[in-house]
PDB file of all heavy atoms in Angstrom:
ATOM      1  N   GLU A   1      27.334  11.678  11.633  1.00  0.00           N
ATOM      2  CA  GLU A   1      26.796  12.329  10.491  1.00  0.00           C
ATOM      3  C   GLU A   1      26.512  11.490   9.291  1.00  0.00           C
ATOM      4  O   GLU A   1      25.437  11.614   8.630  1.00  0.00           O
ATOM      5  CB  GLU A   1      27.860  13.419   9.886  1.00  0.00           C
ATOM      6  CG  GLU A   1      27.355  14.309   8.886  1.00  0.00           C
ATOM      7  CD  GLU A   1      28.407  15.404   8.379  1.00  0.00           C
ATOM      8  OE1 GLU A   1      29.481  15.366   9.072  1.00  0.00           O
ATOM      9  OE2 GLU A   1      28.056  16.131   7.582  1.00  0.00           O
ATOM     10  N   GLN A   2      27.397  10.469   9.191  1.00  0.00           N
ATOM     11  CA  GLN A   2      27.109   9.345   8.168  1.00  0.00           C
ATOM     12  C   GLN A   2      25.990   8.609   8.413  1.00  0.00           C
ATOM     13  O   GLN A   2      25.092   8.294   7.549  1.00  0.00           O
ATOM     14  CB  GLN A   2      28.357   8.530   8.022  1.00  0.00           C
ATOM     15  CG  GLN A   2      29.624   9.094   7.418  1.00  0.00           C
ATOM     16  CD  GLN A   2      30.663   8.039   7.188  1.00  0.00           C
ATOM     17  OE1 GLN A   2      30.412   7.017   6.676  1.00  0.00           O
ATOM     18  NE2 GLN A   2      31.938   8.525   7.564  1.00  0.00           N
ATOM     19  N   ILE A   3      25.768   8.175   9.723  1.00  0.00           N
ATOM     20  CA  ILE A   3      24.591   7.349  10.112  1.00  0.00           C
ATOM     21  C   ILE A   3      23.212   8.264   9.834  1.00  0.00           C
ATOM     22  O   ILE A   3      22.261   7.748   9.340  1.00  0.00           O
ATOM     23  CB  ILE A   3      24.661   7.049  11.531  1.00  0.00           C
ATOM     24  CG1 ILE A   3      25.745   6.037  11.780  1.00  0.00           C
ATOM     25  CG2 ILE A   3      23.278   6.434  12.098  1.00  0.00           C
ATOM     26  CD1 ILE A   3      25.983   5.704  13.264  1.00  0.00           C
ATOM     27  N   LEU A   4      23.230   9.484  10.321  1.00  0.00           N
ATOM     28  CA  LEU A   4      22.045  10.314   9.980  1.00  0.00           C
ATOM     29  C   LEU A   4      21.769  10.570   8.478  1.00  0.00           C
ATOM     30  O   LEU A   4      20.582  10.634   8.095  1.00  0.00           O
ATOM     31  CB  LEU A   4      22.190  11.635  10.808  1.00  0.00           C
ATOM     32  CG  LEU A   4      22.259  11.488  12.243  1.00  0.00           C
ATOM     33  CD1 LEU A   4      22.566  12.909  12.978  1.00  0.00           C
ATOM     34  CD2 LEU A   4      20.944  10.842  12.880  1.00  0.00           C
ATOM     35  N   ALA A   5      22.771  10.692   7.673  1.00  0.00           N
ATOM     36  CA  ALA A   5      22.685  10.836   6.354  1.00  0.00           C
ATOM     37  C   ALA A   5      22.093   9.606   5.703  1.00  0.00           C
ATOM     38  O   ALA A   5      21.239   9.632   4.885  1.00  0.00           O
ATOM     39  CB  ALA A   5      23.976  11.124   5.600  1.00  0.00           C
ATOM     40  N   LEU A   6      22.491   8.384   6.162  1.00  0.00           N
ATOM     41  CA  LEU A   6      21.855   7.122   5.772  1.00  0.00           C
ATOM     42  C   LEU A   6      20.422   7.015   6.086  1.00  0.00           C
ATOM     43  O   LEU A   6      19.522   6.518   5.379  1.00  0.00           O
ATOM     44  CB  LEU A   6      22.701   6.008   6.332  1.00  0.00           C
ATOM     45  CG  LEU A   6      24.065   5.770   5.592  1.00  0.00           C
ATOM     46  CD1 LEU A   6      24.798   4.672   6.403  1.00  0.00           C
ATOM     47  CD2 LEU A   6      23.812   5.220   4.123  1.00  0.00           C
ATOM     48  N   VAL A   7      20.159   7.393   7.398  1.00  0.00           N
ATOM     49  CA  VAL A   7      18.726   7.478   7.816  1.00  0.00           C
ATOM     50  C   VAL A   7      17.842   8.204   6.830  1.00  0.00           C
ATOM     51  O   VAL A   7      16.772   7.890   6.479  1.00  0.00           O
ATOM     52  CB  VAL A   7      18.654   7.908   9.281  1.00  0.00           C
ATOM     53  CG1 VAL A   7      17.207   8.181   9.595  1.00  0.00           C
ATOM     54  CG2 VAL A   7      19.253   6.901  10.242  1.00  0.00           C
ATOM     55  N   GLY A   8      18.320   9.399   6.551  1.00  0.00           N
ATOM     56  CA  GLY A   8      17.576  10.264   5.586  1.00  0.00           C
ATOM     57  C   GLY A   8      17.395   9.682   4.279  1.00  0.00           C
ATOM     58  O   GLY A   8      16.412   9.770   3.647  1.00  0.00           O
ATOM     59  N   GLU A   9      18.549   9.097   3.788  1.00  0.00           N
ATOM     60  CA  GLU A   9      18.391   8.429   2.436  1.00  0.00           C
ATOM     61  C   GLU A   9      17.404   7.274   2.467  1.00  0.00           C
ATOM     62  O   GLU A   9      16.635   7.043   1.462  1.00  0.00           O
ATOM     63  CB  GLU A   9      19.851   7.937   2.076  1.00  0.00           C
ATOM     64  CG  GLU A   9      20.829   8.985   1.692  1.00  0.00           C
ATOM     65  CD  GLU A   9      20.447   9.713   0.448  1.00  0.00           C
ATOM     66  OE1 GLU A   9      20.300   9.003  -0.671  1.00  0.00           O
ATOM     67  OE2 GLU A   9      20.297  10.851   0.373  1.00  0.00           O
ATOM     68  N   VAL A  10      17.464   6.449   3.492  1.00  0.00           N
ATOM     69  CA  VAL A  10      16.482   5.312   3.635  1.00  0.00           C
ATOM     70  C   VAL A  10      15.000   5.927   3.655  1.00  0.00           C
ATOM     71  O   VAL A  10      14.103   5.292   3.038  1.00  0.00           O
ATOM     72  CB  VAL A  10      16.836   4.432   4.854  1.00  0.00           C
ATOM     73  CG1 VAL A  10      15.745   3.424   5.019  1.00  0.00           C
ATOM     74  CG2 VAL A  10      18.189   3.772   4.604  1.00  0.00           C
ATOM     75  N   GLN A  11      14.805   6.879   4.393  1.00  0.00           N
ATOM     76  CA  GLN A  11      13.480   7.420   4.540  1.00  0.00           C
ATOM     77  C   GLN A  11      12.909   7.914   3.200  1.00  0.00           C
ATOM     78  O   GLN A  11      11.835   7.703   2.855  1.00  0.00           O
ATOM     79  CB  GLN A  11      13.378   8.581   5.581  1.00  0.00           C
ATOM     80  CG  GLN A  11      13.629   8.072   6.977  1.00  0.00           C
ATOM     81  CD  GLN A  11      13.782   9.219   7.976  1.00  0.00           C
ATOM     82  OE1 GLN A  11      14.272  10.303   7.705  1.00  0.00           O
ATOM     83  NE2 GLN A  11      13.246   8.877   9.271  1.00  0.00           N
ATOM     84  N   VAL A  12      13.776   8.640   2.468  1.00  0.00           N
ATOM     85  CA  VAL A  12      13.418   9.009   1.141  1.00  0.00           C
ATOM     86  C   VAL A  12      13.140   7.950   0.206  1.00  0.00           C
ATOM     87  O   VAL A  12      12.187   7.963  -0.514  1.00  0.00           O
ATOM     88  CB  VAL A  12      14.565  10.059   0.520  1.00  0.00           C
ATOM     89  CG1 VAL A  12      14.307  10.310  -0.917  1.00  0.00           C
ATOM     90  CG2 VAL A  12      14.662  11.310   1.361  1.00  0.00           C
ATOM     91  N   ALA A  13      14.018   6.943   0.238  1.00  0.00           N
ATOM     92  CA  ALA A  13      13.860   5.762  -0.681  1.00  0.00           C
ATOM     93  C   ALA A  13      12.579   5.067  -0.248  1.00  0.00           C
ATOM     94  O   ALA A  13      11.740   4.648  -1.216  1.00  0.00           O
ATOM     95  CB  ALA A  13      15.021   4.863  -0.535  1.00  0.00           C
ATOM     96  N   GLN A  14      12.262   4.838   1.102  1.00  0.00           N
ATOM     97  CA  GLN A  14      10.976   4.150   1.449  1.00  0.00           C
ATOM     98  C   GLN A  14       9.894   5.012   0.989  1.00  0.00           C
ATOM     99  O   GLN A  14       8.796   4.432   0.513  1.00  0.00           O
ATOM    100  CB  GLN A  14      11.094   4.067   2.928  1.00  0.00           C
ATOM    101  CG  GLN A  14       9.812   3.348   3.503  1.00  0.00           C
ATOM    102  CD  GLN A  14       9.535   1.987   3.220  1.00  0.00           C
ATOM    103  OE1 GLN A  14      10.415   1.360   2.482  1.00  0.00           O
ATOM    104  NE2 GLN A  14       8.460   1.385   3.612  1.00  0.00           N
ATOM    105  N   ALA A  15       9.894   6.347   1.132  1.00  0.00           N
ATOM    106  CA  ALA A  15       8.635   7.111   0.704  1.00  0.00           C
ATOM    107  C   ALA A  15       8.514   7.006  -0.851  1.00  0.00           C
ATOM    108  O   ALA A  15       7.461   6.907  -1.298  1.00  0.00           O
ATOM    109  CB  ALA A  15       8.980   8.606   1.147  1.00  0.00           C
ATOM    110  N   ASP A  16       9.693   7.042  -1.582  1.00  0.00           N
ATOM    111  CA  ASP A  16       9.471   6.791  -3.089  1.00  0.00           C
ATOM    112  C   ASP A  16       8.810   5.572  -3.333  1.00  0.00           C
ATOM    113  O   ASP A  16       8.018   5.433  -4.250  1.00  0.00           O
ATOM    114  CB  ASP A  16      10.889   7.016  -3.707  1.00  0.00           C
ATOM    115  CG  ASP A  16      11.355   8.518  -3.764  1.00  0.00           C
ATOM    116  OD1 ASP A  16      10.529   9.400  -3.380  1.00  0.00           O
ATOM    117  OD2 ASP A  16      12.629   8.670  -3.901  1.00  0.00           O
ATOM    118  N   TYR A  17       9.266   4.522  -2.612  1.00  0.00           N
ATOM    119  CA  TYR A  17       8.769   3.085  -2.861  1.00  0.00           C
ATOM    120  C   TYR A  17       7.277   3.051  -2.577  1.00  0.00           C
ATOM    121  O   TYR A  17       6.516   2.561  -3.488  1.00  0.00           O
ATOM    122  CB  TYR A  17       9.525   2.095  -2.105  1.00  0.00           C
ATOM    123  CG  TYR A  17       8.816   0.739  -2.059  1.00  0.00           C
ATOM    124  CD1 TYR A  17       8.998  -0.054  -3.181  1.00  0.00           C
ATOM    125  CD2 TYR A  17       8.136   0.408  -0.945  1.00  0.00           C
ATOM    126  CE1 TYR A  17       8.471  -1.251  -3.226  1.00  0.00           C
ATOM    127  CE2 TYR A  17       7.507  -0.961  -0.984  1.00  0.00           C
ATOM    128  CZ  TYR A  17       7.589  -1.800  -2.056  1.00  0.00           C
ATOM    129  OH  TYR A  17       7.085  -2.913  -2.118  1.00  0.00           O
ATOM    130  N   GLN A  18       6.844   3.673  -1.479  1.00  0.00           N
ATOM    131  CA  GLN A  18       5.439   3.632  -1.177  1.00  0.00           C
ATOM    132  C   GLN A  18       4.616   4.367  -2.193  1.00  0.00           C
ATOM    133  O   GLN A  18       3.491   3.898  -2.516  1.00  0.00           O
ATOM    134  CB  GLN A  18       5.239   4.227   0.255  1.00  0.00           C
ATOM    135  CG  GLN A  18       5.878   3.553   1.412  1.00  0.00           C
ATOM    136  CD  GLN A  18       5.068   2.250   1.712  1.00  0.00           C
ATOM    137  OE1 GLN A  18       4.054   2.079   1.170  1.00  0.00           O
ATOM    138  NE2 GLN A  18       5.658   1.525   2.574  1.00  0.00           N
ATOM    139  N   LEU A  19       5.136   5.514  -2.724  1.00  0.00           N
ATOM    140  CA  LEU A  19       4.404   6.288  -3.554  1.00  0.00           C
ATOM    141  C   LEU A  19       4.357   5.644  -4.997  1.00  0.00           C
ATOM    142  O   LEU A  19       3.270   5.674  -5.672  1.00  0.00           O
ATOM    143  CB  LEU A  19       4.900   7.689  -3.757  1.00  0.00           C
ATOM    144  CG  LEU A  19       4.747   8.538  -2.458  1.00  0.00           C
ATOM    145  CD1 LEU A  19       5.554   9.879  -2.647  1.00  0.00           C
ATOM    146  CD2 LEU A  19       3.249   8.838  -2.192  1.00  0.00           C
ATOM    147  N   ALA A  20       5.506   5.027  -5.345  1.00  0.00           N
ATOM    148  CA  ALA A  20       5.582   4.410  -6.730  1.00  0.00           C
ATOM    149  C   ALA A  20       5.016   3.042  -6.837  1.00  0.00           C
ATOM    150  O   ALA A  20       4.441   2.736  -7.815  1.00  0.00           O
ATOM    151  CB  ALA A  20       7.048   4.499  -7.163  1.00  0.00           C
ATOM    152  N   ALA A  21       5.023   2.338  -5.758  1.00  0.00           N
ATOM    153  CA  ALA A  21       4.616   0.830  -5.879  1.00  0.00           C
ATOM    154  C   ALA A  21       3.662   0.414  -4.875  1.00  0.00           C
ATOM    155  O   ALA A  21       2.649  -0.304  -5.314  1.00  0.00           O
ATOM    156  CB  ALA A  21       5.898   0.038  -5.744  1.00  0.00           C
ATOM    157  N   GLU A  22       3.765   0.897  -3.642  1.00  0.00           N
ATOM    158  CA  GLU A  22       2.910   0.212  -2.601  1.00  0.00           C
ATOM    159  C   GLU A  22       1.451   0.893  -2.674  1.00  0.00           C
ATOM    160  O   GLU A  22       0.551   0.029  -2.524  1.00  0.00           O
ATOM    161  CB  GLU A  22       3.507   0.521  -1.249  1.00  0.00           C
ATOM    162  CG  GLU A  22       2.998  -0.202  -0.085  1.00  0.00           C
ATOM    163  CD  GLU A  22       3.121  -1.715  -0.185  1.00  0.00           C
ATOM    164  OE1 GLU A  22       3.889  -2.172  -0.926  1.00  0.00           O
ATOM    165  OE2 GLU A  22       2.542  -2.410   0.696  1.00  0.00           O
ATOM    166  N   ALA A  23       1.381   2.086  -2.707  1.00  0.00           N
ATOM    167  CA  ALA A  23       0.036   2.603  -2.664  1.00  0.00           C
ATOM    168  C   ALA A  23      -1.026   2.222  -3.709  1.00  0.00           C
ATOM    169  O   ALA A  23      -2.021   1.772  -3.280  1.00  0.00           O
ATOM    170  CB  ALA A  23       0.091   4.174  -2.674  1.00  0.00           C
ATOM    171  N   PRO A  24      -0.589   2.169  -5.041  1.00  0.00           N
ATOM    172  CA  PRO A  24      -1.564   1.664  -6.028  1.00  0.00           C
ATOM    173  C   PRO A  24      -1.955   0.156  -5.717  1.00  0.00           C
ATOM    174  O   PRO A  24      -3.096  -0.223  -5.762  1.00  0.00           O
ATOM    175  CB  PRO A  24      -0.841   1.841  -7.315  1.00  0.00           C
ATOM    176  CG  PRO A  24       0.191   2.870  -7.124  1.00  0.00           C
ATOM    177  CD  PRO A  24       0.603   2.614  -5.574  1.00  0.00           C
ATOM    178  N   GLN A  25      -0.965  -0.688  -5.245  1.00  0.00           N
ATOM    179  CA  GLN A  25      -1.315  -2.054  -5.151  1.00  0.00           C
ATOM    180  C   GLN A  25      -2.265  -2.143  -3.876  1.00  0.00           C
ATOM    181  O   GLN A  25      -3.069  -3.003  -3.840  1.00  0.00           O
ATOM    182  CB  GLN A  25       0.099  -2.728  -4.793  1.00  0.00           C
ATOM    183  CG  GLN A  25      -0.125  -4.313  -4.651  1.00  0.00           C
ATOM    184  CD  GLN A  25       1.291  -5.013  -4.406  1.00  0.00           C
ATOM    185  OE1 GLN A  25       2.254  -4.285  -4.258  1.00  0.00           O
ATOM    186  NE2 GLN A  25       1.154  -6.269  -4.348  1.00  0.00           N
ATOM    187  N   GLU A  26      -1.984  -1.353  -2.818  1.00  0.00           N
ATOM    188  CA  GLU A  26      -2.767  -1.337  -1.690  1.00  0.00           C
ATOM    189  C   GLU A  26      -4.250  -0.965  -2.112  1.00  0.00           C
ATOM    190  O   GLU A  26      -5.215  -1.595  -1.622  1.00  0.00           O
ATOM    191  CB  GLU A  26      -2.258  -0.444  -0.654  1.00  0.00           C
ATOM    192  CG  GLU A  26      -3.048  -0.448   0.701  1.00  0.00           C
ATOM    193  CD  GLU A  26      -2.452   0.426   1.728  1.00  0.00           C
ATOM    194  OE1 GLU A  26      -1.397   0.061   2.162  1.00  0.00           O
ATOM    195  OE2 GLU A  26      -3.038   1.324   2.180  1.00  0.00           O
ATOM    196  N   ARG A  27      -4.345   0.092  -2.856  1.00  0.00           N
ATOM    197  CA  ARG A  27      -5.744   0.513  -3.212  1.00  0.00           C
ATOM    198  C   ARG A  27      -6.388  -0.644  -3.977  1.00  0.00           C
ATOM    199  O   ARG A  27      -7.697  -0.806  -3.815  1.00  0.00           O
ATOM    200  CB  ARG A  27      -5.643   1.792  -4.144  1.00  0.00           C
ATOM    201  CG  ARG A  27      -5.312   3.091  -3.233  1.00  0.00           C
ATOM    202  CD  ARG A  27      -5.676   4.224  -4.021  1.00  0.00           C
ATOM    203  NE  ARG A  27      -4.811   4.343  -5.275  1.00  0.00           N
ATOM    204  CZ  ARG A  27      -3.709   4.992  -5.353  1.00  0.00           C
ATOM    205  NH1 ARG A  27      -3.177   5.395  -4.267  1.00  0.00           N
ATOM    206  NH2 ARG A  27      -2.980   4.973  -6.502  1.00  0.00           N
ATOM    207  N   GLU A  28      -5.716  -1.324  -4.805  1.00  0.00           N
ATOM    208  CA  GLU A  28      -6.262  -2.432  -5.662  1.00  0.00           C
ATOM    209  C   GLU A  28      -6.758  -3.504  -4.677  1.00  0.00           C
ATOM    210  O   GLU A  28      -7.753  -4.114  -4.911  1.00  0.00           O
ATOM    211  CB  GLU A  28      -5.286  -2.912  -6.700  1.00  0.00           C
ATOM    212  CG  GLU A  28      -5.036  -1.939  -7.731  1.00  0.00           C
ATOM    213  CD  GLU A  28      -3.903  -2.402  -8.650  1.00  0.00           C
ATOM    214  OE1 GLU A  28      -3.321  -3.460  -8.486  1.00  0.00           O
ATOM    215  OE2 GLU A  28      -3.415  -1.671  -9.585  1.00  0.00           O
ATOM    216  N   SER A  29      -5.901  -3.819  -3.607  1.00  0.00           N
ATOM    217  CA  SER A  29      -6.343  -4.917  -2.745  1.00  0.00           C
ATOM    218  C   SER A  29      -7.527  -4.456  -1.999  1.00  0.00           C
ATOM    219  O   SER A  29      -8.417  -5.262  -1.822  1.00  0.00           O
ATOM    220  CB  SER A  29      -5.158  -5.211  -1.798  1.00  0.00           C
ATOM    221  OG  SER A  29      -4.091  -5.612  -2.473  1.00  0.00           O
ATOM    222  N   ILE A  30      -7.707  -3.251  -1.657  1.00  0.00           N
ATOM    223  CA  ILE A  30      -8.812  -2.780  -0.796  1.00  0.00           C
ATOM    224  C   ILE A  30     -10.045  -2.816  -1.642  1.00  0.00           C
ATOM    225  O   ILE A  30     -11.164  -3.227  -1.253  1.00  0.00           O
ATOM    226  CB  ILE A  30      -8.529  -1.372  -0.299  1.00  0.00           C
ATOM    227  CG1 ILE A  30      -7.414  -1.400   0.819  1.00  0.00           C
ATOM    228  CG2 ILE A  30      -9.864  -0.799   0.333  1.00  0.00           C
ATOM    229  CD1 ILE A  30      -6.959  -0.026   1.307  1.00  0.00           C
ATOM    230  N   GLU A  31      -9.890  -2.300  -2.945  1.00  0.00           N
ATOM    231  CA  GLU A  31     -11.084  -2.293  -3.791  1.00  0.00           C
ATOM    232  C   GLU A  31     -11.521  -3.653  -4.153  1.00  0.00           C
ATOM    233  O   GLU A  31     -12.737  -3.988  -4.084  1.00  0.00           O
ATOM    234  CB  GLU A  31     -10.652  -1.544  -5.134  1.00  0.00           C
ATOM    235  CG  GLU A  31     -10.533  -0.004  -4.768  1.00  0.00           C
ATOM    236  CD  GLU A  31      -9.908   0.724  -6.046  1.00  0.00           C
ATOM    237  OE1 GLU A  31      -9.749  -0.001  -7.089  1.00  0.00           O
ATOM    238  OE2 GLU A  31      -9.680   1.933  -6.046  1.00  0.00           O
ATOM    239  N   ARG A  32     -10.629  -4.586  -4.365  1.00  0.00           N
ATOM    240  CA  ARG A  32     -10.891  -5.884  -4.638  1.00  0.00           C
ATOM    241  C   ARG A  32     -11.611  -6.563  -3.382  1.00  0.00           C
ATOM    242  O   ARG A  32     -12.611  -7.342  -3.577  1.00  0.00           O
ATOM    243  CB  ARG A  32      -9.771  -6.805  -5.041  1.00  0.00           C
ATOM    244  CG  ARG A  32     -10.025  -8.291  -5.373  1.00  0.00           C
ATOM    245  CD  ARG A  32     -10.868  -8.352  -6.616  1.00  0.00           C
ATOM    246  NE  ARG A  32     -11.286  -9.716  -6.923  1.00  0.00           N
ATOM    247  CZ  ARG A  32     -12.185 -10.218  -7.852  1.00  0.00           C
ATOM    248  NH1 ARG A  32     -12.713  -9.253  -8.594  1.00  0.00           N
ATOM    249  NH2 ARG A  32     -12.342 -11.333  -8.007  1.00  0.00           N
ATOM    250  N   GLY A  33     -11.079  -6.224  -2.215  1.00  0.00           N
ATOM    251  CA  GLY A  33     -11.617  -6.840  -1.059  1.00  0.00           C
ATOM    252  C   GLY A  33     -13.105  -6.395  -0.833  1.00  0.00           C
ATOM    253  O   GLY A  33     -13.899  -7.222  -0.478  1.00  0.00           O
ATOM    254  N   ARG A  34     -13.253  -5.147  -1.096  1.00  0.00           N
ATOM    255  CA  ARG A  34     -14.730  -4.561  -0.918  1.00  0.00           C
ATOM    256  C   ARG A  34     -15.608  -5.252  -2.054  1.00  0.00           C
ATOM    257  O   ARG A  34     -16.782  -5.567  -1.651  1.00  0.00           O
ATOM    258  CB  ARG A  34     -14.793  -3.021  -1.114  1.00  0.00           C
ATOM    259  CG  ARG A  34     -14.070  -2.317   0.088  1.00  0.00           C
ATOM    260  CD  ARG A  34     -14.434  -1.002   0.090  1.00  0.00           C
ATOM    261  NE  ARG A  34     -13.688  -0.279   1.174  1.00  0.00           N
ATOM    262  CZ  ARG A  34     -13.919  -0.306   2.531  1.00  0.00           C
ATOM    263  NH1 ARG A  34     -14.935  -1.064   2.858  1.00  0.00           N
ATOM    264  NH2 ARG A  34     -13.191   0.338   3.301  1.00  0.00           N
ATOM    265  N   PHE A  35     -15.150  -5.502  -3.145  1.00  0.00           N
ATOM    266  CA  PHE A  35     -15.927  -6.036  -4.161  1.00  0.00           C
ATOM    267  C   PHE A  35     -16.363  -7.559  -3.825  1.00  0.00           C
ATOM    268  O   PHE A  35     -17.451  -8.013  -3.840  1.00  0.00           O
ATOM    269  CB  PHE A  35     -15.226  -6.155  -5.559  1.00  0.00           C
ATOM    270  CG  PHE A  35     -16.027  -6.829  -6.611  1.00  0.00           C
ATOM    271  CD1 PHE A  35     -17.121  -6.380  -7.210  1.00  0.00           C
ATOM    272  CD2 PHE A  35     -15.528  -8.113  -7.083  1.00  0.00           C
ATOM    273  CE1 PHE A  35     -17.760  -7.146  -8.174  1.00  0.00           C
ATOM    274  CE2 PHE A  35     -16.156  -8.864  -8.052  1.00  0.00           C
ATOM    275  CZ  PHE A  35     -17.282  -8.374  -8.582  1.00  0.00           C
ATOM    276  N   VAL A  36     -15.295  -8.274  -3.325  1.00  0.00           N
ATOM    277  CA  VAL A  36     -15.492  -9.675  -2.993  1.00  0.00           C
ATOM    278  C   VAL A  36     -16.463  -9.745  -1.842  1.00  0.00           C
ATOM    279  O   VAL A  36     -17.340 -10.615  -1.745  1.00  0.00           O
ATOM    280  CB  VAL A  36     -14.151 -10.373  -2.654  1.00  0.00           C
ATOM    281  CG1 VAL A  36     -14.344 -11.690  -2.112  1.00  0.00           C
ATOM    282  CG2 VAL A  36     -13.331 -10.529  -3.967  1.00  0.00           C
ATOM    283  N   LEU A  37     -16.285  -8.845  -0.883  1.00  0.00           N
ATOM    284  CA  LEU A  37     -17.156  -8.767   0.346  1.00  0.00           C
ATOM    285  C   LEU A  37     -18.675  -8.569  -0.150  1.00  0.00           C
ATOM    286  O   LEU A  37     -19.619  -9.256   0.374  1.00  0.00           O
ATOM    287  CB  LEU A  37     -16.709  -7.768   1.307  1.00  0.00           C
ATOM    288  CG  LEU A  37     -17.562  -7.596   2.586  1.00  0.00           C
ATOM    289  CD1 LEU A  37     -17.530  -8.945   3.335  1.00  0.00           C
ATOM    290  CD2 LEU A  37     -17.054  -6.407   3.405  1.00  0.00           C
ATOM    291  N   SER A  38     -18.729  -7.703  -1.057  1.00  0.00           N
ATOM    292  CA  SER A  38     -20.135  -7.340  -1.533  1.00  0.00           C
ATOM    293  C   SER A  38     -20.818  -8.548  -2.221  1.00  0.00           C
ATOM    294  O   SER A  38     -22.012  -8.863  -2.154  1.00  0.00           O
ATOM    295  CB  SER A  38     -20.258  -6.100  -2.392  1.00  0.00           C
ATOM    296  OG  SER A  38     -19.506  -6.434  -3.563  1.00  0.00           O
ATOM    297  N   GLU A  39     -19.994  -9.340  -2.954  1.00  0.00           N
ATOM    298  CA  GLU A  39     -20.483 -10.556  -3.700  1.00  0.00           C
ATOM    299  C   GLU A  39     -20.777 -11.598  -2.798  1.00  0.00           C
ATOM    300  O   GLU A  39     -21.814 -12.286  -2.813  1.00  0.00           O
ATOM    301  CB  GLU A  39     -19.398 -11.025  -4.688  1.00  0.00           C
ATOM    302  CG  GLU A  39     -19.197 -10.065  -5.865  1.00  0.00           C
ATOM    303  CD  GLU A  39     -20.274 -10.037  -6.815  1.00  0.00           C
ATOM    304  OE1 GLU A  39     -20.658 -11.189  -7.342  1.00  0.00           O
ATOM    305  OE2 GLU A  39     -20.909  -8.983  -6.993  1.00  0.00           O
ATOM    306  N   LEU A  40     -19.942 -11.789  -1.760  1.00  0.00           N
ATOM    307  CA  LEU A  40     -20.239 -12.878  -0.684  1.00  0.00           C
ATOM    308  C   LEU A  40     -21.562 -12.471   0.036  1.00  0.00           C
ATOM    309  O   LEU A  40     -22.405 -13.223   0.343  1.00  0.00           O
ATOM    310  CB  LEU A  40     -19.136 -13.027   0.305  1.00  0.00           C
ATOM    311  CG  LEU A  40     -17.898 -13.618  -0.197  1.00  0.00           C
ATOM    312  CD1 LEU A  40     -16.809 -13.552   0.980  1.00  0.00           C
ATOM    313  CD2 LEU A  40     -18.173 -15.047  -0.549  1.00  0.00           C
ATOM    314  N   THR A  41     -21.732 -11.227   0.479  1.00  0.00           N
ATOM    315  CA  THR A  41     -22.881 -10.667   1.170  1.00  0.00           C
ATOM    316  C   THR A  41     -24.187 -10.964   0.336  1.00  0.00           C
ATOM    317  O   THR A  41     -25.117 -11.552   0.818  1.00  0.00           O
ATOM    318  CB  THR A  41     -22.654  -9.246   1.497  1.00  0.00           C
ATOM    319  OG1 THR A  41     -21.537  -9.010   2.301  1.00  0.00           O
ATOM    320  CG2 THR A  41     -23.959  -8.748   2.426  1.00  0.00           C
ATOM    321  N   ALA A  42     -24.141 -10.551  -0.850  1.00  0.00           N
ATOM    322  CA  ALA A  42     -25.280 -10.609  -1.782  1.00  0.00           C
ATOM    323  C   ALA A  42     -25.629 -12.053  -2.004  1.00  0.00           C
ATOM    324  O   ALA A  42     -26.796 -12.445  -1.947  1.00  0.00           O
ATOM    325  CB  ALA A  42     -25.061  -9.962  -3.064  1.00  0.00           C
ATOM    326  N   ALA A  43     -24.764 -12.985  -2.253  1.00  0.00           N
ATOM    327  CA  ALA A  43     -24.945 -14.317  -2.404  1.00  0.00           C
ATOM    328  C   ALA A  43     -25.611 -15.032  -1.212  1.00  0.00           C
ATOM    329  O   ALA A  43     -26.527 -15.867  -1.336  1.00  0.00           O
ATOM    330  CB  ALA A  43     -23.637 -15.016  -2.825  1.00  0.00           C
ATOM    331  N   LEU A  44     -25.026 -14.745  -0.088  1.00  0.00           N
ATOM    332  CA  LEU A  44     -25.574 -15.397   1.022  1.00  0.00           C
ATOM    333  C   LEU A  44     -27.040 -14.877   1.438  1.00  0.00           C
ATOM    334  O   LEU A  44     -27.867 -15.586   1.794  1.00  0.00           O
ATOM    335  CB  LEU A  44     -24.669 -15.024   2.310  1.00  0.00           C
ATOM    336  CG  LEU A  44     -23.416 -15.736   2.304  1.00  0.00           C
ATOM    337  CD1 LEU A  44     -22.370 -15.247   3.391  1.00  0.00           C
ATOM    338  CD2 LEU A  44     -23.669 -17.292   2.603  1.00  0.00           C
ATOM    339  N   GLU A  45     -27.248 -13.480   1.293  1.00  0.00           N
ATOM    340  CA  GLU A  45     -28.610 -12.918   1.463  1.00  0.00           C
ATOM    341  C   GLU A  45     -29.569 -13.567   0.392  1.00  0.00           C
ATOM    342  O   GLU A  45     -30.736 -13.966   0.912  1.00  0.00           O
ATOM    343  CB  GLU A  45     -28.483 -11.442   1.261  1.00  0.00           C
ATOM    344  CG  GLU A  45     -27.809 -10.801   2.440  1.00  0.00           C
ATOM    345  CD  GLU A  45     -27.655  -9.223   2.191  1.00  0.00           C
ATOM    346  OE1 GLU A  45     -27.944  -8.849   0.969  1.00  0.00           O
ATOM    347  OE2 GLU A  45     -27.388  -8.569   3.026  1.00  0.00           O
TER     348      GLU A  45
END
């Protein structure tokens, strides 16, 4: 019961972390990646 309770706590904490910190950072990386890719493409063309 203790182990399963800890599993549940970790899952909740991980979900909170992803929503609070990871997702915005990931979106920023993707958006920046697309911008840099478009700049490289345009410059080479």
